[in-house]
Amino acid sequence: MRDTTETPEDRAPGPPREEGSGVLPGGLPAELPEPRGCLFALSQPPLMLFLAVIGALVLLAAVHDLFLL
């Protein structure tokens, strides 16, 4: 299970970032990774499977109401 304690800078827990100046050796600024938000949680496979089952049940109920009643 992943540690969900609060982290500095309000970012999701993950591997520690190296502290640096943000500049690559070639002189170009390094691209900082974007923080992960709630869409990261929605992309997890168990949640997607659950949402697919719920969506299928809602679709089945709608088809039943429209065509069989």
C-alpha atoms as a PDB file:
ATOM      1  CA  MET A   1       0.000   0.000   0.000  1.00  0.00           C
ATOM      2  CA  ARG A   2       1.279   3.454  -0.844  1.00  0.00           C
ATOM      3  CA  ASP A   3       2.054   6.028   1.835  1.00  0.00           C
ATOM      4  CA  THR A   4      -0.555   8.797   1.675  1.00  0.00           C
ATOM      5  CA  THR A   5       0.908  11.193   4.222  1.00  0.00           C
ATOM      6  CA  GLU A   6       1.130  14.832   3.241  1.00  0.00           C
ATOM      7  CA  THR A   7       4.203  15.700   1.260  1.00  0.00           C
ATOM      8  CA  PRO A   8       5.947  19.049   0.832  1.00  0.00           C
ATOM      9  CA  GLU A   9       4.888  21.273  -2.070  1.00  0.00           C
ATOM     10  CA  ASP A  10       1.454  19.542  -2.238  1.00  0.00           C
ATOM     11  CA  ARG A  11       2.620  16.873  -4.656  1.00  0.00           C
ATOM     12  CA  ALA A  12       1.819  13.190  -4.830  1.00  0.00           C
ATOM     13  CA  PRO A  13       4.189  10.787  -3.093  1.00  0.00           C
ATOM     14  CA  GLY A  14       6.701   9.190  -5.375  1.00  0.00           C
ATOM     15  CA  PRO A  15      10.403   8.737  -5.843  1.00  0.00           C
ATOM     16  CA  PRO A  16      12.441  11.584  -4.359  1.00  0.00           C
ATOM     17  CA  ARG A  17      13.505  14.281  -6.789  1.00  0.00           C
ATOM     18  CA  GLU A  18      17.107  15.265  -7.062  1.00  0.00           C
ATOM     19  CA  GLU A  19      17.768  18.773  -5.855  1.00  0.00           C
ATOM     20  CA  GLY A  20      19.504  20.816  -8.490  1.00  0.00           C
ATOM     21  CA  SER A  21      19.574  24.138 -10.237  1.00  0.00           C
ATOM     22  CA  GLY A  22      17.024  23.076 -12.851  1.00  0.00           C
ATOM     23  CA  VAL A  23      19.546  23.504 -15.667  1.00  0.00           C
ATOM     24  CA  LEU A  24      20.894  20.630 -17.736  1.00  0.00           C
ATOM     25  CA  PRO A  25      24.645  20.425 -18.459  1.00  0.00           C
ATOM     26  CA  GLY A  26      24.022  21.737 -21.996  1.00  0.00           C
ATOM     27  CA  GLY A  27      22.728  25.025 -20.586  1.00  0.00           C
ATOM     28  CA  LEU A  28      19.060  24.301 -21.326  1.00  0.00           C
ATOM     29  CA  PRO A  29      16.566  24.508 -18.449  1.00  0.00           C
ATOM     30  CA  ALA A  30      15.415  21.109 -17.203  1.00  0.00           C
ATOM     31  CA  GLU A  31      11.748  20.294 -17.587  1.00  0.00           C
ATOM     32  CA  LEU A  32      10.205  19.782 -14.157  1.00  0.00           C
ATOM     33  CA  PRO A  33       7.648  16.953 -13.895  1.00  0.00           C
ATOM     34  CA  GLU A  34       4.045  18.019 -13.489  1.00  0.00           C
ATOM     35  CA  PRO A  35       2.342  17.078 -10.221  1.00  0.00           C
ATOM     36  CA  ARG A  36      -0.122  14.217 -10.417  1.00  0.00           C
ATOM     37  CA  GLY A  37      -3.710  15.140  -9.617  1.00  0.00           C
ATOM     38  CA  CYS A  38      -7.019  13.344  -9.337  1.00  0.00           C
ATOM     39  CA  LEU A  39      -6.919  12.169 -12.970  1.00  0.00           C
ATOM     40  CA  PHE A  40      -3.964  10.006 -12.008  1.00  0.00           C
ATOM     41  CA  ALA A  41      -6.228   8.178  -9.544  1.00  0.00           C
ATOM     42  CA  LEU A  42      -8.932   7.741 -12.195  1.00  0.00           C
ATOM     43  CA  SER A  43      -6.504   5.948 -14.494  1.00  0.00           C
ATOM     44  CA  GLN A  44      -5.878   3.054 -12.097  1.00  0.00           C
ATOM     45  CA  PRO A  45      -7.007  -0.330 -13.541  1.00  0.00           C
ATOM     46  CA  PRO A  46      -9.262  -1.507 -10.637  1.00  0.00           C
ATOM     47  CA  LEU A  47     -11.155   1.772 -10.655  1.00  0.00           C
ATOM     48  CA  MET A  48     -11.513   1.701 -14.443  1.00  0.00           C
ATOM     49  CA  LEU A  49     -12.879  -1.854 -14.262  1.00  0.00           C
ATOM     50  CA  PHE A  50     -15.362  -0.837 -11.560  1.00  0.00           C
ATOM     51  CA  LEU A  51     -16.499   2.202 -13.558  1.00  0.00           C
ATOM     52  CA  ALA A  52     -16.873   0.061 -16.698  1.00  0.00           C
ATOM     53  CA  VAL A  53     -19.129  -2.402 -14.831  1.00  0.00           C
ATOM     54  CA  ILE A  54     -21.253   0.416 -13.388  1.00  0.00           C
ATOM     55  CA  GLY A  55     -21.485   2.042 -16.832  1.00  0.00           C
ATOM     56  CA  ALA A  56     -22.557  -1.266 -18.388  1.00  0.00           C
ATOM     57  CA  LEU A  57     -25.274  -1.691 -15.756  1.00  0.00           C
ATOM     58  CA  VAL A  58     -26.575   1.833 -16.373  1.00  0.00           C
ATOM     59  CA  LEU A  59     -26.533   1.204 -20.128  1.00  0.00           C
ATOM     60  CA  LEU A  60     -28.388  -2.088 -19.663  1.00  0.00           C
ATOM     61  CA  ALA A  61     -31.034  -0.356 -17.535  1.00  0.00           C
ATOM     62  CA  ALA A  62     -31.443   2.413 -20.118  1.00  0.00           C
ATOM     63  CA  VAL A  63     -31.834  -0.065 -22.982  1.00  0.00           C
ATOM     64  CA  HIS A  64     -34.366  -2.024 -20.930  1.00  0.00           C
ATOM     65  CA  ASP A  65     -36.382   1.132 -20.206  1.00  0.00           C
ATOM     66  CA  LEU A  66     -36.302   2.356 -23.801  1.00  0.00           C
ATOM     67  CA  PHE A  67     -37.012  -0.838 -25.699  1.00  0.00           C
ATOM     68  CA  LEU A  68     -38.699  -3.322 -23.378  1.00  0.00           C
ATOM     69  CA  LEU A  69     -41.102  -1.180 -21.349  1.00  0.00           C
END
